[in-house]
Amino acid sequence: MPMHREGRVTLIARENEKPAMDWNPASPRRTSVAFIESVTALRYALNAAVTEVGLDIGRVIVDRTGGADDFLDLLTGLPAEFNGDVLLIRDDGTGVLSATARGGDRVLYALMAYDVRFYLEAHDLVAGRVVVELSA
């Protein structure tokens, strides 16, 4: 029987060999961050966290690891109980966001690098802040 725990959790799959993102694991919000070394391990961790442990997973992030097939496998294997975001960050900083829409269906959004950064900053997941240059 799953047990419920307080606070949202963000699961992040990343490769230790890649340059580190300025992740903010000490976020003042009630969010915990857990790092996992592969997309495959992330998929198993997400299933166990949601269906067996009862953790409140707010979002899943694939940070410049795995390929498109790995990301699609992750999306198609999401537990039915999970309705959080799934964000893919590519090597060039662009990304794809899968979010739950009205009625429970998932939608995909293509994101530019500044959109990815905005998402990460809005959820207080990164420590630094960058200024986005706006053009007229």
C-alpha atoms as a PDB file:
ATOM      1  CA  MET A   1       0.000   0.000   0.000  1.00  0.00           C
ATOM      2  CA  PRO A   2       1.474   3.380  -1.007  1.00  0.00           C
ATOM      3  CA  MET A   3       2.175   5.826   1.767  1.00  0.00           C
ATOM      4  CA  HIS A   4       1.775   9.540   1.154  1.00  0.00           C
ATOM      5  CA  ARG A   5       4.627  11.929   1.915  1.00  0.00           C
ATOM      6  CA  GLU A   6       4.577  15.706   1.987  1.00  0.00           C
ATOM      7  CA  GLY A   7       6.370  17.892  -0.526  1.00  0.00           C
ATOM      8  CA  ARG A   8       6.797  17.592  -4.248  1.00  0.00           C
ATOM      9  CA  VAL A   9       9.724  15.761  -5.771  1.00  0.00           C
ATOM     10  CA  THR A  10      11.572  16.517  -9.007  1.00  0.00           C
ATOM     11  CA  LEU A  11      13.384  13.586 -10.595  1.00  0.00           C
ATOM     12  CA  ILE A  12      16.306  14.531 -12.863  1.00  0.00           C
ATOM     13  CA  ALA A  13      18.170  12.139 -15.151  1.00  0.00           C
ATOM     14  CA  ARG A  14      21.622  13.468 -16.053  1.00  0.00           C
ATOM     15  CA  GLU A  15      25.049  12.269 -17.073  1.00  0.00           C
ATOM     16  CA  ASN A  16      27.864  13.102 -14.691  1.00  0.00           C
ATOM     17  CA  GLU A  17      30.257  13.510 -17.646  1.00  0.00           C
ATOM     18  CA  LYS A  18      28.359  16.494 -19.075  1.00  0.00           C
ATOM     19  CA  PRO A  19      28.920  20.045 -17.824  1.00  0.00           C
ATOM     20  CA  ALA A  20      26.807  20.568 -14.737  1.00  0.00           C
ATOM     21  CA  MET A  21      23.706  22.701 -14.882  1.00  0.00           C
ATOM     22  CA  ASP A  22      23.377  25.163 -12.003  1.00  0.00           C
ATOM     23  CA  TRP A  23      20.791  22.990 -10.236  1.00  0.00           C
ATOM     24  CA  ASN A  24      19.394  24.338  -6.984  1.00  0.00           C
ATOM     25  CA  PRO A  25      18.863  21.295  -4.744  1.00  0.00           C
ATOM     26  CA  ALA A  26      18.444  23.621  -1.727  1.00  0.00           C
ATOM     27  CA  SER A  27      15.364  25.346  -3.100  1.00  0.00           C
ATOM     28  CA  PRO A  28      13.425  27.260  -0.433  1.00  0.00           C
ATOM     29  CA  ARG A  29      10.187  25.884  -1.885  1.00  0.00           C
ATOM     30  CA  ARG A  30       8.831  22.594  -0.615  1.00  0.00           C
ATOM     31  CA  THR A  31      10.456  20.652  -3.446  1.00  0.00           C
ATOM     32  CA  SER A  32      13.005  17.862  -3.196  1.00  0.00           C
ATOM     33  CA  VAL A  33      15.346  17.045  -6.059  1.00  0.00           C
ATOM     34  CA  ALA A  34      16.663  13.551  -6.809  1.00  0.00           C
ATOM     35  CA  PHE A  35      19.336  12.906  -9.440  1.00  0.00           C
ATOM     36  CA  ILE A  36      19.391   9.668 -11.417  1.00  0.00           C
ATOM     37  CA  GLU A  37      22.095   8.562 -13.872  1.00  0.00           C
ATOM     38  CA  SER A  38      20.037   7.290 -16.836  1.00  0.00           C
ATOM     39  CA  VAL A  39      16.644   7.596 -18.485  1.00  0.00           C
ATOM     40  CA  THR A  40      16.043   3.874 -17.997  1.00  0.00           C
ATOM     41  CA  ALA A  41      16.712   4.117 -14.266  1.00  0.00           C
ATOM     42  CA  LEU A  42      14.519   7.227 -14.176  1.00  0.00           C
ATOM     43  CA  ARG A  43      11.617   5.313 -15.690  1.00  0.00           C
ATOM     44  CA  TYR A  44      11.867   2.594 -13.014  1.00  0.00           C
ATOM     45  CA  ALA A  45      12.344   5.130 -10.213  1.00  0.00           C
ATOM     46  CA  LEU A  46       9.281   7.098 -11.340  1.00  0.00           C
ATOM     47  CA  ASN A  47       7.091   4.002 -11.463  1.00  0.00           C
ATOM     48  CA  ALA A  48       8.225   2.872  -8.018  1.00  0.00           C
ATOM     49  CA  ALA A  49       7.937   6.354  -6.510  1.00  0.00           C
ATOM     50  CA  VAL A  50       4.393   6.899  -7.762  1.00  0.00           C
ATOM     51  CA  THR A  51       2.820   3.454  -7.528  1.00  0.00           C
ATOM     52  CA  GLU A  52       4.661   1.843  -4.602  1.00  0.00           C
ATOM     53  CA  VAL A  53       5.937   4.616  -2.331  1.00  0.00           C
ATOM     54  CA  GLY A  54       3.250   7.239  -2.991  1.00  0.00           C
ATOM     55  CA  LEU A  55       5.608  10.183  -3.533  1.00  0.00           C
ATOM     56  CA  ASP A  56       4.206  13.358  -5.035  1.00  0.00           C
ATOM     57  CA  ILE A  57       6.347  13.660  -8.171  1.00  0.00           C
ATOM     58  CA  GLY A  58       5.830  17.145  -9.584  1.00  0.00           C
ATOM     59  CA  ARG A  59       8.056  16.854 -12.608  1.00  0.00           C
ATOM     60  CA  VAL A  60      10.576  14.686 -14.367  1.00  0.00           C
ATOM     61  CA  ILE A  61      13.536  16.197 -16.230  1.00  0.00           C
ATOM     62  CA  VAL A  62      15.818  14.488 -18.725  1.00  0.00           C
ATOM     63  CA  ASP A  63      18.916  16.700 -18.726  1.00  0.00           C
ATOM     64  CA  ARG A  64      20.980  16.152 -21.878  1.00  0.00           C
ATOM     65  CA  THR A  65      21.035  12.371 -21.583  1.00  0.00           C
ATOM     66  CA  GLY A  66      19.577   9.572 -23.667  1.00  0.00           C
ATOM     67  CA  GLY A  67      18.042   9.997 -27.078  1.00  0.00           C
ATOM     68  CA  ALA A  68      14.659  10.697 -28.593  1.00  0.00           C
ATOM     69  CA  ASP A  69      13.717   7.016 -28.360  1.00  0.00           C
ATOM     70  CA  ASP A  70      14.526   6.997 -24.635  1.00  0.00           C
ATOM     71  CA  PHE A  71      12.347  10.074 -24.097  1.00  0.00           C
ATOM     72  CA  LEU A  72       9.448   8.537 -26.041  1.00  0.00           C
ATOM     73  CA  ASP A  73       9.802   5.290 -24.068  1.00  0.00           C
ATOM     74  CA  LEU A  74       9.641   7.344 -20.873  1.00  0.00           C
ATOM     75  CA  LEU A  75       6.498   9.159 -22.038  1.00  0.00           C
ATOM     76  CA  THR A  76       4.704   6.015 -23.174  1.00  0.00           C
ATOM     77  CA  GLY A  77       5.533   4.239 -19.910  1.00  0.00           C
ATOM     78  CA  LEU A  78       4.347   6.961 -17.518  1.00  0.00           C
ATOM     79  CA  PRO A  79       2.233   5.590 -14.668  1.00  0.00           C
ATOM     80  CA  ALA A  80      -1.447   6.509 -14.962  1.00  0.00           C
ATOM     81  CA  GLU A  81      -1.249   8.187 -11.529  1.00  0.00           C
ATOM     82  CA  PHE A  82       1.451  10.630 -12.700  1.00  0.00           C
ATOM     83  CA  ASN A  83       0.136  13.927 -14.054  1.00  0.00           C
ATOM     84  CA  GLY A  84       3.249  16.080 -13.686  1.00  0.00           C
ATOM     85  CA  ASP A  85       5.469  17.620 -16.336  1.00  0.00           C
ATOM     86  CA  VAL A  86       8.150  15.765 -18.256  1.00  0.00           C
ATOM     87  CA  LEU A  87      10.908  17.991 -19.670  1.00  0.00           C
ATOM     88  CA  LEU A  88      13.610  16.954 -22.117  1.00  0.00           C
ATOM     89  CA  ILE A  89      16.628  19.280 -22.272  1.00  0.00           C
ATOM     90  CA  ARG A  90      18.767  18.801 -25.378  1.00  0.00           C
ATOM     91  CA  ASP A  91      22.510  19.456 -25.644  1.00  0.00           C
ATOM     92  CA  ASP A  92      21.873  22.833 -27.323  1.00  0.00           C
ATOM     93  CA  GLY A  93      19.581  23.984 -24.482  1.00  0.00           C
ATOM     94  CA  THR A  94      16.327  23.602 -26.401  1.00  0.00           C
ATOM     95  CA  GLY A  95      13.759  21.127 -25.202  1.00  0.00           C
ATOM     96  CA  VAL A  96      10.421  19.404 -25.306  1.00  0.00           C
ATOM     97  CA  LEU A  97       7.840  19.701 -22.540  1.00  0.00           C
ATOM     98  CA  SER A  98       5.112  17.125 -22.034  1.00  0.00           C
ATOM     99  CA  ALA A  99       2.320  18.444 -19.824  1.00  0.00           C
ATOM    100  CA  THR A 100      -1.143  17.297 -18.870  1.00  0.00           C
ATOM    101  CA  ALA A 101      -3.932  19.152 -20.655  1.00  0.00           C
ATOM    102  CA  ARG A 102      -7.621  19.399 -19.858  1.00  0.00           C
ATOM    103  CA  GLY A 103      -9.232  16.007 -19.780  1.00  0.00           C
ATOM    104  CA  GLY A 104      -5.981  14.324 -18.746  1.00  0.00           C
ATOM    105  CA  ASP A 105      -4.425  14.019 -22.200  1.00  0.00           C
ATOM    106  CA  ARG A 106      -0.743  14.897 -22.643  1.00  0.00           C
ATOM    107  CA  VAL A 107       0.425  17.636 -24.975  1.00  0.00           C
ATOM    108  CA  LEU A 108       3.935  18.327 -26.268  1.00  0.00           C
ATOM    109  CA  TYR A 109       5.512  21.767 -26.550  1.00  0.00           C
ATOM    110  CA  ALA A 110       8.735  22.523 -28.428  1.00  0.00           C
ATOM    111  CA  LEU A 111      10.833  24.903 -26.324  1.00  0.00           C
ATOM    112  CA  MET A 112      13.622  27.284 -27.260  1.00  0.00           C
ATOM    113  CA  ALA A 113      16.611  27.502 -24.909  1.00  0.00           C
ATOM    114  CA  TYR A 114      15.219  30.611 -23.181  1.00  0.00           C
ATOM    115  CA  ASP A 115      11.883  28.805 -22.651  1.00  0.00           C
ATOM    116  CA  VAL A 116      13.675  25.899 -20.970  1.00  0.00           C
ATOM    117  CA  ARG A 117      15.588  28.310 -18.764  1.00  0.00           C
ATOM    118  CA  PHE A 118      12.386  30.193 -17.887  1.00  0.00           C
ATOM    119  CA  TYR A 119      10.709  26.914 -16.895  1.00  0.00           C
ATOM    120  CA  LEU A 120      13.638  25.948 -14.659  1.00  0.00           C
ATOM    121  CA  GLU A 121      13.757  29.399 -13.050  1.00  0.00           C
ATOM    122  CA  ALA A 122       9.980  29.563 -12.562  1.00  0.00           C
ATOM    123  CA  HIS A 123      10.124  26.318 -10.581  1.00  0.00           C
ATOM    124  CA  ASP A 124      13.214  27.461  -8.650  1.00  0.00           C
ATOM    125  CA  LEU A 125      15.219  24.490  -9.929  1.00  0.00           C
ATOM    126  CA  VAL A 126      18.349  26.434 -10.893  1.00  0.00           C
ATOM    127  CA  ALA A 127      20.484  28.621  -8.657  1.00  0.00           C
ATOM    128  CA  GLY A 128      21.673  31.279 -11.087  1.00  0.00           C
ATOM    129  CA  ARG A 129      19.633  33.727 -13.056  1.00  0.00           C
ATOM    130  CA  VAL A 130      20.218  34.771 -16.621  1.00  0.00           C
ATOM    131  CA  VAL A 131      18.876  37.811 -18.394  1.00  0.00           C
ATOM    132  CA  VAL A 132      16.915  36.960 -21.492  1.00  0.00           C
ATOM    133  CA  GLU A 133      17.614  39.393 -24.296  1.00  0.00           C
ATOM    134  CA  LEU A 134      14.353  40.565 -25.817  1.00  0.00           C
ATOM    135  CA  SER A 135      14.193  41.853 -29.355  1.00  0.00           C
ATOM    136  CA  ALA A 136      11.655  44.386 -30.546  1.00  0.00           C
END
